[in-house]
Amino acid sequence: MEGEECKAPVAAASAAPAVASGPRSGADVYTAACSACHGTGAAGAPKLGDAGAWAPRIAKGTDT
């Protein structure tokens, strides 16, 4: 829904700690963490490339 925070699923703790593999591209981050909702519009998430859905959010500024 509009105005709600992103509620990406939190991975369950694994037996082995995650190891940083170094810097990742924006595309890699999007694919791993954002595309599940923002690629399909799940839970009302604005889709990537849908300027009309993003405009009201962007207008609120980065502090919001």
C-alpha atoms as a PDB file:
ATOM      1  CA  MET A   1       0.000   0.000   0.000  1.00  0.00           C
ATOM      2  CA  GLU A   2       1.075   3.538  -0.602  1.00  0.00           C
ATOM      3  CA  GLY A   3       2.919   4.999   2.365  1.00  0.00           C
ATOM      4  CA  GLU A   4       3.972   1.696   3.833  1.00  0.00           C
ATOM      5  CA  GLU A   5       7.586   0.747   4.241  1.00  0.00           C
ATOM      6  CA  CYS A   6       9.104  -1.915   2.045  1.00  0.00           C
ATOM      7  CA  LYS A   7       8.660  -5.211   3.833  1.00  0.00           C
ATOM      8  CA  ALA A   8      11.091  -7.433   2.015  1.00  0.00           C
ATOM      9  CA  PRO A   9      11.194 -10.924   3.462  1.00  0.00           C
ATOM     10  CA  VAL A  10      13.916 -11.371   6.041  1.00  0.00           C
ATOM     11  CA  ALA A  11      15.983 -14.488   5.472  1.00  0.00           C
ATOM     12  CA  ALA A  12      16.116 -16.925   8.329  1.00  0.00           C
ATOM     13  CA  ALA A  13      19.423 -17.233  10.115  1.00  0.00           C
ATOM     14  CA  SER A  14      21.591 -19.850   8.499  1.00  0.00           C
ATOM     15  CA  ALA A  15      24.135 -22.135  10.080  1.00  0.00           C
ATOM     16  CA  ALA A  16      26.993 -20.364   8.310  1.00  0.00           C
ATOM     17  CA  PRO A  17      27.332 -16.579   8.382  1.00  0.00           C
ATOM     18  CA  ALA A  18      27.075 -14.755   5.069  1.00  0.00           C
ATOM     19  CA  VAL A  19      30.369 -13.712   3.563  1.00  0.00           C
ATOM     20  CA  ALA A  20      30.618 -10.418   1.723  1.00  0.00           C
ATOM     21  CA  SER A  21      31.713 -10.962  -1.841  1.00  0.00           C
ATOM     22  CA  GLY A  22      32.695  -7.358  -2.425  1.00  0.00           C
ATOM     23  CA  PRO A  23      30.892  -4.543  -4.173  1.00  0.00           C
ATOM     24  CA  ARG A  24      27.799  -5.426  -6.200  1.00  0.00           C
ATOM     25  CA  SER A  25      26.186  -3.551  -9.040  1.00  0.00           C
ATOM     26  CA  GLY A  26      22.856  -1.821  -8.620  1.00  0.00           C
ATOM     27  CA  ALA A  27      21.331  -4.424 -10.930  1.00  0.00           C
ATOM     28  CA  ASP A  28      22.626  -7.248  -8.724  1.00  0.00           C
ATOM     29  CA  VAL A  29      21.192  -5.604  -5.601  1.00  0.00           C
ATOM     30  CA  TYR A  30      17.833  -4.983  -7.312  1.00  0.00           C
ATOM     31  CA  THR A  31      17.646  -8.568  -8.533  1.00  0.00           C
ATOM     32  CA  ALA A  32      18.502 -10.004  -5.122  1.00  0.00           C
ATOM     33  CA  ALA A  33      16.467  -7.727  -2.861  1.00  0.00           C
ATOM     34  CA  CYS A  34      13.885  -5.666  -4.752  1.00  0.00           C
ATOM     35  CA  SER A  35      12.658  -7.414  -7.877  1.00  0.00           C
ATOM     36  CA  ALA A  36      10.338  -9.858  -6.112  1.00  0.00           C
ATOM     37  CA  CYS A  37       7.962  -7.009  -5.241  1.00  0.00           C
ATOM     38  CA  HIS A  38       8.959  -4.172  -7.558  1.00  0.00           C
ATOM     39  CA  GLY A  39       9.089  -6.458 -10.585  1.00  0.00           C
ATOM     40  CA  THR A  40       5.555  -7.784 -10.087  1.00  0.00           C
ATOM     41  CA  GLY A  41       3.800  -5.071  -8.054  1.00  0.00           C
ATOM     42  CA  ALA A  42       3.285  -7.464  -5.136  1.00  0.00           C
ATOM     43  CA  ALA A  43       1.721  -5.908  -2.033  1.00  0.00           C
ATOM     44  CA  GLY A  44       1.182  -2.651  -3.918  1.00  0.00           C
ATOM     45  CA  ALA A  45       4.865  -2.026  -4.575  1.00  0.00           C
ATOM     46  CA  PRO A  46       5.381   0.391  -7.460  1.00  0.00           C
ATOM     47  CA  LYS A  47       6.793  -1.429 -10.472  1.00  0.00           C
ATOM     48  CA  LEU A  48      10.152  -0.571 -11.954  1.00  0.00           C
ATOM     49  CA  GLY A  49       9.605   1.906 -14.781  1.00  0.00           C
ATOM     50  CA  ASP A  50       6.077   2.963 -13.708  1.00  0.00           C
ATOM     51  CA  ALA A  51       6.666   6.719 -13.423  1.00  0.00           C
ATOM     52  CA  GLY A  52       3.054   7.391 -12.422  1.00  0.00           C
ATOM     53  CA  ALA A  53       3.279   5.085  -9.411  1.00  0.00           C
ATOM     54  CA  TRP A  54       6.670   6.437  -8.318  1.00  0.00           C
ATOM     55  CA  ALA A  55       5.949  10.178  -8.773  1.00  0.00           C
ATOM     56  CA  PRO A  56       3.971  10.699  -5.514  1.00  0.00           C
ATOM     57  CA  ARG A  57       6.657   8.860  -3.552  1.00  0.00           C
ATOM     58  CA  ILE A  58       9.507  10.794  -5.150  1.00  0.00           C
ATOM     59  CA  ALA A  59       7.689  14.088  -4.503  1.00  0.00           C
ATOM     60  CA  LYS A  60       7.835  13.396  -0.749  1.00  0.00           C
ATOM     61  CA  GLY A  61      11.643  13.588  -0.874  1.00  0.00           C
ATOM     62  CA  THR A  62      14.374  11.319   0.400  1.00  0.00           C
ATOM     63  CA  ASP A  63      13.798  12.121   4.077  1.00  0.00           C
ATOM     64  CA  THR A  64      10.419  10.411   3.873  1.00  0.00           C
END
